[in-house]
Amino acid sequence: MKKEFARAKKAVESLFWDTCYVEIFQEERTDWGETMHQKGEADSFPCRLTEKNTPCGENGLLAEMEKTVILLYPVGKEIPAGSALRVRKENGEERQYFAAGDSQVFLTHKAVGLRRRDTV
């Protein structure tokens, strides 16, 4: 059973062609009681950015589309909700996102929904 699981995990991770850079913000309490958020060290690891376009209505002659973006990444890594991310696609294109919530944990990988950080 363990060998099948290891093979399944390796097969999923072989599809991680993109690279994710996570900027984690840490809370620090000052001597006078103020809570400050400091940018922590960025962690980088392989990932897979998936996008799905869904029609969500029509505005006159133009059809409106909604894009759902999900990041798949290894189980051993962590992306806290609200973290800033940079994803470098396999072709060299870079995109910026925020983690839109908590990650969903699967046996072979984790997944988190993303929200675009820069304007389109």
PDB file of N, CA and C in Angstrom:
ATOM      1  N   MET A   1       0.822  -1.201   0.000  1.00  0.00           N
ATOM      2  CA  MET A   1       0.000   0.000   0.000  1.00  0.00           C
ATOM      3  C   MET A   1       0.863   1.261   0.000  1.00  0.00           C
ATOM      4  N   LYS A   2       1.946   1.232   0.779  1.00  0.00           N
ATOM      5  CA  LYS A   2       2.806   2.405   0.846  1.00  0.00           C
ATOM      6  C   LYS A   2       3.490   2.670  -0.486  1.00  0.00           C
ATOM      7  N   LYS A   3       3.853   1.618  -1.201  1.00  0.00           N
ATOM      8  CA  LYS A   3       4.510   1.798  -2.489  1.00  0.00           C
ATOM      9  C   LYS A   3       3.563   2.426  -3.508  1.00  0.00           C
ATOM     10  N   GLU A   4       2.282   2.003  -3.502  1.00  0.00           N
ATOM     11  CA  GLU A   4       1.304   2.586  -4.424  1.00  0.00           C
ATOM     12  C   GLU A   4       1.080   4.056  -4.112  1.00  0.00           C
ATOM     13  N   PHE A   5       1.009   4.361  -2.827  1.00  0.00           N
ATOM     14  CA  PHE A   5       0.823   5.752  -2.413  1.00  0.00           C
ATOM     15  C   PHE A   5       2.016   6.601  -2.849  1.00  0.00           C
ATOM     16  N   ALA A   6       3.219   6.088  -2.653  1.00  0.00           N
ATOM     17  CA  ALA A   6       4.427   6.830  -3.042  1.00  0.00           C
ATOM     18  C   ALA A   6       4.456   7.042  -4.555  1.00  0.00           C
ATOM     19  N   ARG A   7       4.038   6.046  -5.322  1.00  0.00           N
ATOM     20  CA  ARG A   7       4.003   6.193  -6.778  1.00  0.00           C
ATOM     21  C   ARG A   7       2.953   7.216  -7.201  1.00  0.00           C
ATOM     22  N   ALA A   8       1.786   7.195  -6.554  1.00  0.00           N
ATOM     23  CA  ALA A   8       0.727   8.161  -6.874  1.00  0.00           C
ATOM     24  C   ALA A   8       1.184   9.581  -6.556  1.00  0.00           C
ATOM     25  N   LYS A   9       1.828   9.754  -5.407  1.00  0.00           N
ATOM     26  CA  LYS A   9       2.325  11.075  -5.011  1.00  0.00           C
ATOM     27  C   LYS A   9       3.386  11.562  -5.995  1.00  0.00           C
ATOM     28  N   LYS A  10       4.277  10.673  -6.386  1.00  0.00           N
ATOM     29  CA  LYS A  10       5.325  11.033  -7.341  1.00  0.00           C
ATOM     30  C   LYS A  10       4.724  11.394  -8.700  1.00  0.00           C
ATOM     31  N   ALA A  11       3.671  10.683  -9.112  1.00  0.00           N
ATOM     32  CA  ALA A  11       3.012  10.977 -10.394  1.00  0.00           C
ATOM     33  C   ALA A  11       2.367  12.362 -10.371  1.00  0.00           C
ATOM     34  N   VAL A  12       1.704  12.702  -9.269  1.00  0.00           N
ATOM     35  CA  VAL A  12       1.073  14.029  -9.155  1.00  0.00           C
ATOM     36  C   VAL A  12       2.143  15.115  -9.152  1.00  0.00           C
ATOM     37  N   GLU A  13       3.195  14.927  -8.368  1.00  0.00           N
ATOM     38  CA  GLU A  13       4.238  15.947  -8.264  1.00  0.00           C
ATOM     39  C   GLU A  13       5.044  16.088  -9.553  1.00  0.00           C
ATOM     40  N   SER A  14       5.021  15.075 -10.422  1.00  0.00           N
ATOM     41  CA  SER A  14       5.721  15.197 -11.704  1.00  0.00           C
ATOM     42  C   SER A  14       5.020  16.197 -12.625  1.00  0.00           C
ATOM     43  N   LEU A  15       3.773  16.561 -12.307  1.00  0.00           N
ATOM     44  CA  LEU A  15       3.028  17.550 -13.085  1.00  0.00           C
ATOM     45  C   LEU A  15       3.249  18.979 -12.588  1.00  0.00           C
ATOM     46  N   PHE A  16       4.017  19.150 -11.532  1.00  0.00           N
ATOM     47  CA  PHE A  16       4.288  20.478 -10.978  1.00  0.00           C
ATOM     48  C   PHE A  16       5.421  21.126 -11.771  1.00  0.00           C
ATOM     49  N   TRP A  17       5.071  21.824 -12.869  1.00  0.00           N
ATOM     50  CA  TRP A  17       6.049  22.444 -13.754  1.00  0.00           C
ATOM     51  C   TRP A  17       6.301  23.892 -13.412  1.00  0.00           C
ATOM     52  N   ASP A  18       5.446  24.514 -12.620  1.00  0.00           N
ATOM     53  CA  ASP A  18       5.585  25.926 -12.276  1.00  0.00           C
ATOM     54  C   ASP A  18       6.346  26.047 -10.953  1.00  0.00           C
ATOM     55  N   THR A  19       6.726  27.278 -10.604  1.00  0.00           N
ATOM     56  CA  THR A  19       7.411  27.534  -9.339  1.00  0.00           C
ATOM     57  C   THR A  19       6.635  28.587  -8.564  1.00  0.00           C
ATOM     58  N   CYS A  20       6.404  28.322  -7.286  1.00  0.00           N
ATOM     59  CA  CYS A  20       5.642  29.219  -6.413  1.00  0.00           C
ATOM     60  C   CYS A  20       6.581  29.852  -5.392  1.00  0.00           C
ATOM     61  N   TYR A  21       6.464  31.158  -5.213  1.00  0.00           N
ATOM     62  CA  TYR A  21       7.215  31.899  -4.202  1.00  0.00           C
ATOM     63  C   TYR A  21       6.203  32.478  -3.211  1.00  0.00           C
ATOM     64  N   VAL A  22       6.279  32.068  -1.956  1.00  0.00           N
ATOM     65  CA  VAL A  22       5.311  32.489  -0.939  1.00  0.00           C
ATOM     66  C   VAL A  22       5.952  33.507  -0.012  1.00  0.00           C
ATOM     67  N   GLU A  23       5.305  34.675   0.132  1.00  0.00           N
ATOM     68  CA  GLU A  23       5.739  35.696   1.088  1.00  0.00           C
ATOM     69  C   GLU A  23       4.816  35.602   2.291  1.00  0.00           C
ATOM     70  N   ILE A  24       5.352  35.194   3.421  1.00  0.00           N
ATOM     71  CA  ILE A  24       4.542  35.006   4.619  1.00  0.00           C
ATOM     72  C   ILE A  24       4.682  36.244   5.502  1.00  0.00           C
ATOM     73  N   PHE A  25       3.568  36.724   6.017  1.00  0.00           N
ATOM     74  CA  PHE A  25       3.575  37.860   6.927  1.00  0.00           C
ATOM     75  C   PHE A  25       3.440  37.335   8.351  1.00  0.00           C
ATOM     76  N   GLN A  26       4.350  37.788   9.214  1.00  0.00           N
ATOM     77  CA  GLN A  26       4.366  37.340  10.597  1.00  0.00           C
ATOM     78  C   GLN A  26       3.939  38.481  11.507  1.00  0.00           C
ATOM     79  N   GLU A  27       3.171  38.139  12.537  1.00  0.00           N
ATOM     80  CA  GLU A  27       2.758  39.150  13.517  1.00  0.00           C
ATOM     81  C   GLU A  27       3.835  39.285  14.574  1.00  0.00           C
ATOM     82  N   GLU A  28       4.170  40.525  14.878  1.00  0.00           N
ATOM     83  CA  GLU A  28       5.121  40.799  15.952  1.00  0.00           C
ATOM     84  C   GLU A  28       4.493  41.792  16.906  1.00  0.00           C
ATOM     85  N   ARG A  29       4.617  41.522  18.185  1.00  0.00           N
ATOM     86  CA  ARG A  29       4.075  42.402  19.216  1.00  0.00           C
ATOM     87  C   ARG A  29       5.198  43.292  19.717  1.00  0.00           C
ATOM     88  N   THR A  30       4.989  44.617  19.674  1.00  0.00           N
ATOM     89  CA  THR A  30       6.008  45.557  20.143  1.00  0.00           C
ATOM     90  C   THR A  30       5.935  45.688  21.663  1.00  0.00           C
ATOM     91  N   ASP A  31       6.935  46.350  22.227  1.00  0.00           N
ATOM     92  CA  ASP A  31       6.978  46.548  23.681  1.00  0.00           C
ATOM     93  C   ASP A  31       5.820  47.393  24.177  1.00  0.00           C
ATOM     94  N   TRP A  32       5.278  48.266  23.335  1.00  0.00           N
ATOM     95  CA  TRP A  32       4.187  49.152  23.743  1.00  0.00           C
ATOM     96  C   TRP A  32       2.820  48.589  23.391  1.00  0.00           C
ATOM     97  N   GLY A  33       2.746  47.307  22.965  1.00  0.00           N
ATOM     98  CA  GLY A  33       1.467  46.628  22.777  1.00  0.00           C
ATOM     99  C   GLY A  33       0.896  46.664  21.368  1.00  0.00           C
ATOM    100  N   GLU A  34       1.602  47.251  20.436  1.00  0.00           N
ATOM    101  CA  GLU A  34       1.112  47.326  19.061  1.00  0.00           C
ATOM    102  C   GLU A  34       1.470  46.040  18.317  1.00  0.00           C
ATOM    103  N   THR A  35       0.549  45.600  17.461  1.00  0.00           N
ATOM    104  CA  THR A  35       0.814  44.425  16.635  1.00  0.00           C
ATOM    105  C   THR A  35       1.254  44.892  15.262  1.00  0.00           C
ATOM    106  N   MET A  36       2.428  44.453  14.850  1.00  0.00           N
ATOM    107  CA  MET A  36       2.967  44.828  13.546  1.00  0.00           C
ATOM    108  C   MET A  36       3.083  43.578  12.690  1.00  0.00           C
ATOM    109  N   HIS A  37       2.859  43.745  11.398  1.00  0.00           N
ATOM    110  CA  HIS A  37       2.988  42.638  10.465  1.00  0.00           C
ATOM    111  C   HIS A  37       4.263  42.839   9.656  1.00  0.00           C
ATOM    112  N   GLN A  38       5.174  41.913   9.797  1.00  0.00           N
ATOM    113  CA  GLN A  38       6.442  41.970   9.084  1.00  0.00           C
ATOM    114  C   GLN A  38       6.461  40.899   7.999  1.00  0.00           C
ATOM    115  N   LYS A  39       7.041  41.237   6.877  1.00  0.00           N
ATOM    116  CA  LYS A  39       7.164  40.267   5.795  1.00  0.00           C
ATOM    117  C   LYS A  39       8.215  39.238   6.172  1.00  0.00           C
ATOM    118  N   GLY A  40       7.815  37.964   6.135  1.00  0.00           N
ATOM    119  CA  GLY A  40       8.734  36.887   6.462  1.00  0.00           C
ATOM    120  C   GLY A  40       9.514  36.447   5.239  1.00  0.00           C
ATOM    121  N   GLU A  41      10.314  35.429   5.428  1.00  0.00           N
ATOM    122  CA  GLU A  41      11.116  34.933   4.322  1.00  0.00           C
ATOM    123  C   GLU A  41      10.241  34.232   3.295  1.00  0.00           C
ATOM    124  N   ALA A  42      10.602  34.388   2.045  1.00  0.00           N
ATOM    125  CA  ALA A  42       9.855  33.750   0.964  1.00  0.00           C
ATOM    126  C   ALA A  42      10.335  32.318   0.800  1.00  0.00           C
ATOM    127  N   ASP A  43       9.383  31.409   0.656  1.00  0.00           N
ATOM    128  CA  ASP A  43       9.674  30.007   0.423  1.00  0.00           C
ATOM    129  C   ASP A  43       9.341  29.727  -1.040  1.00  0.00           C
ATOM    130  N   SER A  44      10.112  28.895  -1.697  1.00  0.00           N
ATOM    131  CA  SER A  44       9.810  28.557  -3.086  1.00  0.00           C
ATOM    132  C   SER A  44       9.777  27.042  -3.242  1.00  0.00           C
ATOM    133  N   PHE A  45       8.866  26.586  -4.076  1.00  0.00           N
ATOM    134  CA  PHE A  45       8.708  25.160  -4.316  1.00  0.00           C
ATOM    135  C   PHE A  45       7.951  24.944  -5.614  1.00  0.00           C
ATOM    136  N   PRO A  46       8.034  23.731  -6.193  1.00  0.00           N
ATOM    137  CA  PRO A  46       7.309  23.449  -7.434  1.00  0.00           C
ATOM    138  C   PRO A  46       5.807  23.392  -7.188  1.00  0.00           C
ATOM    139  N   CYS A  47       5.043  23.779  -8.198  1.00  0.00           N
ATOM    140  CA  CYS A  47       3.590  23.803  -8.066  1.00  0.00           C
ATOM    141  C   CYS A  47       2.952  23.650  -9.442  1.00  0.00           C
ATOM    142  N   ARG A  48       1.636  23.672  -9.465  1.00  0.00           N
ATOM    143  CA  ARG A  48       0.886  23.637 -10.731  1.00  0.00           C
ATOM    144  C   ARG A  48      -0.258  24.633 -10.611  1.00  0.00           C
ATOM    145  N   LEU A  49      -0.304  25.614 -11.503  1.00  0.00           N
ATOM    146  CA  LEU A  49      -1.350  26.621 -11.529  1.00  0.00           C
ATOM    147  C   LEU A  49      -2.423  26.162 -12.511  1.00  0.00           C
ATOM    148  N   THR A  50      -3.644  26.019 -12.024  1.00  0.00           N
ATOM    149  CA  THR A  50      -4.748  25.609 -12.893  1.00  0.00           C
ATOM    150  C   THR A  50      -5.759  26.741 -12.980  1.00  0.00           C
ATOM    151  N   GLU A  51      -6.300  26.948 -14.176  1.00  0.00           N
ATOM    152  CA  GLU A  51      -7.283  28.010 -14.408  1.00  0.00           C
ATOM    153  C   GLU A  51      -8.466  27.437 -15.170  1.00  0.00           C
ATOM    154  N   LYS A  52      -9.652  27.884 -14.786  1.00  0.00           N
ATOM    155  CA  LYS A  52     -10.864  27.438 -15.467  1.00  0.00           C
ATOM    156  C   LYS A  52     -11.735  28.662 -15.727  1.00  0.00           C
ATOM    157  N   ASN A  53     -12.120  28.866 -16.983  1.00  0.00           N
ATOM    158  CA  ASN A  53     -13.011  29.966 -17.363  1.00  0.00           C
ATOM    159  C   ASN A  53     -14.446  29.459 -17.383  1.00  0.00           C
ATOM    160  N   THR A  54     -15.340  30.211 -16.733  1.00  0.00           N
ATOM    161  CA  THR A  54     -16.746  29.855 -16.683  1.00  0.00           C
ATOM    162  C   THR A  54     -17.583  31.041 -17.128  1.00  0.00           C
ATOM    163  N   PRO A  55     -18.493  30.857 -18.094  1.00  0.00           N
ATOM    164  CA  PRO A  55     -19.372  31.971 -18.468  1.00  0.00           C
ATOM    165  C   PRO A  55     -20.306  32.299 -17.306  1.00  0.00           C
ATOM    166  N   CYS A  56     -20.438  33.585 -16.990  1.00  0.00           N
ATOM    167  CA  CYS A  56     -21.277  33.962 -15.850  1.00  0.00           C
ATOM    168  C   CYS A  56     -22.353  34.970 -16.223  1.00  0.00           C
ATOM    169  N   GLY A  57     -22.550  35.244 -17.482  1.00  0.00           N
ATOM    170  CA  GLY A  57     -23.612  36.161 -17.866  1.00  0.00           C
ATOM    171  C   GLY A  57     -23.281  36.869 -19.154  1.00  0.00           C
ATOM    172  N   GLU A  58     -24.197  37.727 -19.548  1.00  0.00           N
ATOM    173  CA  GLU A  58     -24.010  38.476 -20.774  1.00  0.00           C
ATOM    174  C   GLU A  58     -24.341  39.927 -20.498  1.00  0.00           C
ATOM    175  N   ASN A  59     -23.466  40.810 -20.917  1.00  0.00           N
ATOM    176  CA  ASN A  59     -23.650  42.236 -20.723  1.00  0.00           C
ATOM    177  C   ASN A  59     -23.720  42.871 -22.112  1.00  0.00           C
ATOM    178  N   GLY A  60     -24.923  43.005 -22.633  1.00  0.00           N
ATOM    179  CA  GLY A  60     -25.069  43.528 -23.998  1.00  0.00           C
ATOM    180  C   GLY A  60     -24.555  42.502 -24.988  1.00  0.00           C
ATOM    181  N   LEU A  61     -23.628  42.910 -25.822  1.00  0.00           N
ATOM    182  CA  LEU A  61     -23.061  42.008 -26.815  1.00  0.00           C
ATOM    183  C   LEU A  61     -21.864  41.213 -26.287  1.00  0.00           C
ATOM    184  N   LEU A  62     -21.339  41.618 -25.130  1.00  0.00           N
ATOM    185  CA  LEU A  62     -20.154  40.964 -24.587  1.00  0.00           C
ATOM    186  C   LEU A  62     -20.535  39.898 -23.562  1.00  0.00           C
ATOM    187  N   ALA A  63     -19.951  38.732 -23.695  1.00  0.00           N
ATOM    188  CA  ALA A  63     -20.146  37.676 -22.707  1.00  0.00           C
ATOM    189  C   ALA A  63     -19.146  37.894 -21.571  1.00  0.00           C
ATOM    190  N   GLU A  64     -19.599  37.724 -20.345  1.00  0.00           N
ATOM    191  CA  GLU A  64     -18.721  37.875 -19.191  1.00  0.00           C
ATOM    192  C   GLU A  64     -18.234  36.498 -18.753  1.00  0.00           C
ATOM    193  N   MET A  65     -16.961  36.445 -18.391  1.00  0.00           N
ATOM    194  CA  MET A  65     -16.356  35.197 -17.960  1.00  0.00           C
ATOM    195  C   MET A  65     -15.827  35.358 -16.541  1.00  0.00           C
ATOM    196  N   GLU A  66     -15.871  34.288 -15.798  1.00  0.00           N
ATOM    197  CA  GLU A  66     -15.295  34.263 -14.464  1.00  0.00           C
ATOM    198  C   GLU A  66     -14.184  33.229 -14.475  1.00  0.00           C
ATOM    199  N   LYS A  67     -13.032  33.599 -13.938  1.00  0.00           N
ATOM    200  CA  LYS A  67     -11.882  32.692 -13.936  1.00  0.00           C
ATOM    201  C   LYS A  67     -11.653  32.177 -12.524  1.00  0.00           C
ATOM    202  N   THR A  68     -11.585  30.855 -12.401  1.00  0.00           N
ATOM    203  CA  THR A  68     -11.269  30.213 -11.135  1.00  0.00           C
ATOM    204  C   THR A  68      -9.820  29.749 -11.209  1.00  0.00           C
ATOM    205  N   VAL A  69      -9.006  30.182 -10.242  1.00  0.00           N
ATOM    206  CA  VAL A  69      -7.582  29.835 -10.236  1.00  0.00           C
ATOM    207  C   VAL A  69      -7.289  29.026  -8.976  1.00  0.00           C
ATOM    208  N   ILE A  70      -6.693  27.856  -9.175  1.00  0.00           N
ATOM    209  CA  ILE A  70      -6.339  26.976  -8.057  1.00  0.00           C
ATOM    210  C   ILE A  70      -4.873  26.589  -8.197  1.00  0.00           C
ATOM    211  N   LEU A  71      -4.164  26.610  -7.085  1.00  0.00           N
ATOM    212  CA  LEU A  71      -2.762  26.225  -7.056  1.00  0.00           C
ATOM    213  C   LEU A  71      -2.640  24.866  -6.386  1.00  0.00           C
ATOM    214  N   LEU A  72      -1.996  23.936  -7.062  1.00  0.00           N
ATOM    215  CA  LEU A  72      -1.699  22.616  -6.506  1.00  0.00           C
ATOM    216  C   LEU A  72      -0.233  22.618  -6.094  1.00  0.00           C
ATOM    217  N   TYR A  73       0.063  22.087  -4.897  1.00  0.00           N
ATOM    218  CA  TYR A  73       1.443  22.106  -4.415  1.00  0.00           C
ATOM    219  C   TYR A  73       1.702  20.923  -3.482  1.00  0.00           C
ATOM    220  N   PRO A  74       2.982  20.627  -3.154  1.00  0.00           N
ATOM    221  CA  PRO A  74       3.318  19.443  -2.361  1.00  0.00           C
ATOM    222  C   PRO A  74       2.740  19.479  -0.948  1.00  0.00           C
ATOM    223  N   VAL A  75       2.493  18.300  -0.408  1.00  0.00           N
ATOM    224  CA  VAL A  75       1.896  18.156   0.925  1.00  0.00           C
ATOM    225  C   VAL A  75       2.789  18.749   2.016  1.00  0.00           C
ATOM    226  N   GLY A  76       4.084  18.646   1.889  1.00  0.00           N
ATOM    227  CA  GLY A  76       4.994  19.105   2.930  1.00  0.00           C
ATOM    228  C   GLY A  76       5.118  20.617   3.045  1.00  0.00           C
ATOM    229  N   LYS A  77       4.541  21.366   2.140  1.00  0.00           N
ATOM    230  CA  LYS A  77       4.645  22.830   2.146  1.00  0.00           C
ATOM    231  C   LYS A  77       3.388  23.450   2.735  1.00  0.00           C
ATOM    232  N   GLU A  78       3.495  24.718   3.133  1.00  0.00           N
ATOM    233  CA  GLU A  78       2.374  25.416   3.759  1.00  0.00           C
ATOM    234  C   GLU A  78       2.171  26.780   3.124  1.00  0.00           C
ATOM    235  N   ILE A  79       0.910  27.110   2.814  1.00  0.00           N
ATOM    236  CA  ILE A  79       0.546  28.440   2.330  1.00  0.00           C
ATOM    237  C   ILE A  79      -0.591  28.946   3.224  1.00  0.00           C
ATOM    238  N   PRO A  80      -0.295  29.815   4.190  1.00  0.00           N
ATOM    239  CA  PRO A  80      -1.343  30.351   5.055  1.00  0.00           C
ATOM    240  C   PRO A  80      -2.324  31.226   4.272  1.00  0.00           C
ATOM    241  N   ALA A  81      -3.573  31.261   4.717  1.00  0.00           N
ATOM    242  CA  ALA A  81      -4.597  32.095   4.074  1.00  0.00           C
ATOM    243  C   ALA A  81      -4.146  33.550   4.089  1.00  0.00           C
ATOM    244  N   GLY A  82      -4.319  34.238   2.969  1.00  0.00           N
ATOM    245  CA  GLY A  82      -3.956  35.644   2.857  1.00  0.00           C
ATOM    246  C   GLY A  82      -2.516  35.902   2.456  1.00  0.00           C
ATOM    247  N   SER A  83      -1.725  34.854   2.304  1.00  0.00           N
ATOM    248  CA  SER A  83      -0.322  35.033   1.917  1.00  0.00           C
ATOM    249  C   SER A  83      -0.218  35.552   0.490  1.00  0.00           C
ATOM    250  N   ALA A  84       0.795  36.364   0.259  1.00  0.00           N
ATOM    251  CA  ALA A  84       1.068  36.845  -1.094  1.00  0.00           C
ATOM    252  C   ALA A  84       1.912  35.796  -1.811  1.00  0.00           C
ATOM    253  N   LEU A  85       1.585  35.554  -3.089  1.00  0.00           N
ATOM    254  CA  LEU A  85       2.286  34.542  -3.878  1.00  0.00           C
ATOM    255  C   LEU A  85       2.733  35.119  -5.209  1.00  0.00           C
ATOM    256  N   ARG A  86       3.843  34.632  -5.699  1.00  0.00           N
ATOM    257  CA  ARG A  86       4.260  34.850  -7.074  1.00  0.00           C
ATOM    258  C   ARG A  86       4.387  33.471  -7.692  1.00  0.00           C
ATOM    259  N   VAL A  87       3.799  33.294  -8.859  1.00  0.00           N
ATOM    260  CA  VAL A  87       3.893  32.017  -9.553  1.00  0.00           C
ATOM    261  C   VAL A  87       4.601  32.255 -10.874  1.00  0.00           C
ATOM    262  N   ARG A  88       5.714  31.558 -11.069  1.00  0.00           N
ATOM    263  CA  ARG A  88       6.434  31.631 -12.342  1.00  0.00           C
ATOM    264  C   ARG A  88       6.037  30.406 -13.150  1.00  0.00           C
ATOM    265  N   LYS A  89       5.343  30.677 -14.257  1.00  0.00           N
ATOM    266  CA  LYS A  89       4.880  29.604 -15.132  1.00  0.00           C
ATOM    267  C   LYS A  89       6.075  28.977 -15.852  1.00  0.00           C
ATOM    268  N   GLU A  90       5.850  27.821 -16.411  1.00  0.00           N
ATOM    269  CA  GLU A  90       6.894  27.084 -17.115  1.00  0.00           C
ATOM    270  C   GLU A  90       7.488  27.911 -18.267  1.00  0.00           C
ATOM    271  N   ASN A  91       6.657  28.753 -18.884  1.00  0.00           N
ATOM    272  CA  ASN A  91       7.123  29.574 -20.009  1.00  0.00           C
ATOM    273  C   ASN A  91       7.823  30.862 -19.564  1.00  0.00           C
ATOM    274  N   GLY A  92       8.001  31.084 -18.245  1.00  0.00           N
ATOM    275  CA  GLY A  92       8.700  32.250 -17.726  1.00  0.00           C
ATOM    276  C   GLY A  92       7.789  33.391 -17.305  1.00  0.00           C
ATOM    277  N   GLU A  93       6.508  33.320 -17.647  1.00  0.00           N
ATOM    278  CA  GLU A  93       5.549  34.360 -17.259  1.00  0.00           C
ATOM    279  C   GLU A  93       5.351  34.314 -15.742  1.00  0.00           C
ATOM    280  N   GLU A  94       5.284  35.501 -15.128  1.00  0.00           N
ATOM    281  CA  GLU A  94       5.097  35.581 -13.687  1.00  0.00           C
ATOM    282  C   GLU A  94       3.773  36.252 -13.351  1.00  0.00           C
ATOM    283  N   ARG A  95       3.046  35.683 -12.394  1.00  0.00           N
ATOM    284  CA  ARG A  95       1.757  36.241 -11.960  1.00  0.00           C
ATOM    285  C   ARG A  95       1.764  36.380 -10.445  1.00  0.00           C
ATOM    286  N   GLN A  96       0.984  37.363  -9.955  1.00  0.00           N
ATOM    287  CA  GLN A  96       0.923  37.609  -8.521  1.00  0.00           C
ATOM    288  C   GLN A  96      -0.488  37.360  -8.015  1.00  0.00           C
ATOM    289  N   TYR A  97      -0.587  36.686  -6.862  1.00  0.00           N
ATOM    290  CA  TYR A  97      -1.874  36.302  -6.284  1.00  0.00           C
ATOM    291  C   TYR A  97      -1.845  36.443  -4.766  1.00  0.00           C
ATOM    292  N   PHE A  98      -3.039  36.315  -4.180  1.00  0.00           N
ATOM    293  CA  PHE A  98      -3.218  36.125  -2.743  1.00  0.00           C
ATOM    294  C   PHE A  98      -3.882  34.771  -2.546  1.00  0.00           C
ATOM    295  N   ALA A  99      -3.513  34.065  -1.488  1.00  0.00           N
ATOM    296  CA  ALA A  99      -4.206  32.824  -1.140  1.00  0.00           C
ATOM    297  C   ALA A  99      -5.578  33.222  -0.611  1.00  0.00           C
ATOM    298  N   ALA A 100      -6.640  32.739  -1.259  1.00  0.00           N
ATOM    299  CA  ALA A 100      -7.998  33.192  -0.949  1.00  0.00           C
ATOM    300  C   ALA A 100      -8.601  32.512   0.272  1.00  0.00           C
ATOM    301  N   GLY A 101      -7.963  31.530   0.814  1.00  0.00           N
ATOM    302  CA  GLY A 101      -8.505  30.827   1.980  1.00  0.00           C
ATOM    303  C   GLY A 101      -7.549  29.750   2.432  1.00  0.00           C
ATOM    304  N   ASP A 102      -8.063  28.849   3.246  1.00  0.00           N
ATOM    305  CA  ASP A 102      -7.244  27.740   3.729  1.00  0.00           C
ATOM    306  C   ASP A 102      -7.056  26.706   2.640  1.00  0.00           C
ATOM    307  N   SER A 103      -5.970  25.980   2.721  1.00  0.00           N
ATOM    308  CA  SER A 103      -5.665  24.949   1.741  1.00  0.00           C
ATOM    309  C   SER A 103      -6.496  23.699   2.001  1.00  0.00           C
ATOM    310  N   GLN A 104      -6.841  23.030   0.924  1.00  0.00           N
ATOM    311  CA  GLN A 104      -7.514  21.736   0.985  1.00  0.00           C
ATOM    312  C   GLN A 104      -6.421  20.672   0.914  1.00  0.00           C
ATOM    313  N   VAL A 105      -6.429  19.731   1.839  1.00  0.00           N
ATOM    314  CA  VAL A 105      -5.381  18.722   1.901  1.00  0.00           C
ATOM    315  C   VAL A 105      -5.899  17.416   1.309  1.00  0.00           C
ATOM    316  N   PHE A 106      -5.156  16.882   0.343  1.00  0.00           N
ATOM    317  CA  PHE A 106      -5.427  15.579  -0.247  1.00  0.00           C
ATOM    318  C   PHE A 106      -4.274  14.646   0.125  1.00  0.00           C
ATOM    319  N   LEU A 107      -4.384  13.381  -0.168  1.00  0.00           N
ATOM    320  CA  LEU A 107      -3.319  12.450   0.176  1.00  0.00           C
ATOM    321  C   LEU A 107      -2.029  12.733  -0.591  1.00  0.00           C
ATOM    322  N   THR A 108      -2.145  13.143  -1.846  1.00  0.00           N
ATOM    323  CA  THR A 108      -0.968  13.311  -2.691  1.00  0.00           C
ATOM    324  C   THR A 108      -0.523  14.751  -2.867  1.00  0.00           C
ATOM    325  N   HIS A 109      -1.350  15.736  -2.514  1.00  0.00           N
ATOM    326  CA  HIS A 109      -1.020  17.140  -2.718  1.00  0.00           C
ATOM    327  C   HIS A 109      -1.964  18.027  -1.909  1.00  0.00           C
ATOM    328  N   LYS A 110      -1.701  19.328  -1.949  1.00  0.00           N
ATOM    329  CA  LYS A 110      -2.597  20.333  -1.356  1.00  0.00           C
ATOM    330  C   LYS A 110      -3.078  21.249  -2.472  1.00  0.00           C
ATOM    331  N   ALA A 111      -4.211  21.919  -2.234  1.00  0.00           N
ATOM    332  CA  ALA A 111      -4.762  22.857  -3.213  1.00  0.00           C
ATOM    333  C   ALA A 111      -5.303  24.083  -2.474  1.00  0.00           C
ATOM    334  N   VAL A 112      -5.108  25.260  -3.071  1.00  0.00           N
ATOM    335  CA  VAL A 112      -5.626  26.494  -2.491  1.00  0.00           C
ATOM    336  C   VAL A 112      -6.153  27.376  -3.625  1.00  0.00           C
ATOM    337  N   GLY A 113      -7.278  28.030  -3.376  1.00  0.00           N
ATOM    338  CA  GLY A 113      -7.824  28.983  -4.332  1.00  0.00           C
ATOM    339  C   GLY A 113      -7.043  30.279  -4.274  1.00  0.00           C
ATOM    340  N   LEU A 114      -6.900  30.924  -5.417  1.00  0.00           N
ATOM    341  CA  LEU A 114      -6.128  32.166  -5.496  1.00  0.00           C
ATOM    342  C   LEU A 114      -6.963  33.315  -6.005  1.00  0.00           C
ATOM    343  N   ARG A 115      -6.573  34.507  -5.610  1.00  0.00           N
ATOM    344  CA  ARG A 115      -7.189  35.740  -6.100  1.00  0.00           C
ATOM    345  C   ARG A 115      -6.072  36.598  -6.690  1.00  0.00           C
ATOM    346  N   ARG A 116      -6.315  37.180  -7.839  1.00  0.00           N
ATOM    347  CA  ARG A 116      -5.302  37.939  -8.572  1.00  0.00           C
ATOM    348  C   ARG A 116      -4.889  39.175  -7.770  1.00  0.00           C
ATOM    349  N   ARG A 117      -3.619  39.456  -7.658  1.00  0.00           N
ATOM    350  CA  ARG A 117      -3.104  40.587  -6.905  1.00  0.00           C
ATOM    351  C   ARG A 117      -2.905  41.808  -7.770  1.00  0.00           C
ATOM    352  N   ASP A 118      -2.527  41.646  -9.018  1.00  0.00           N
ATOM    353  CA  ASP A 118      -2.314  42.788  -9.894  1.00  0.00           C
ATOM    354  C   ASP A 118      -3.510  42.972 -10.810  1.00  0.00           C
ATOM    355  N   THR A 119      -3.597  44.101 -11.464  1.00  0.00           N
ATOM    356  CA  THR A 119      -4.731  44.361 -12.349  1.00  0.00           C
ATOM    357  C   THR A 119      -4.527  43.660 -13.669  1.00  0.00           C
ATOM    358  N   VAL A 120      -5.627  43.286 -14.302  1.00  0.00           N
ATOM    359  CA  VAL A 120      -5.568  42.573 -15.576  1.00  0.00           C
ATOM    360  C   VAL A 120      -5.821  43.544 -16.695  1.00  0.00           C
TER     361      VAL A 120
END
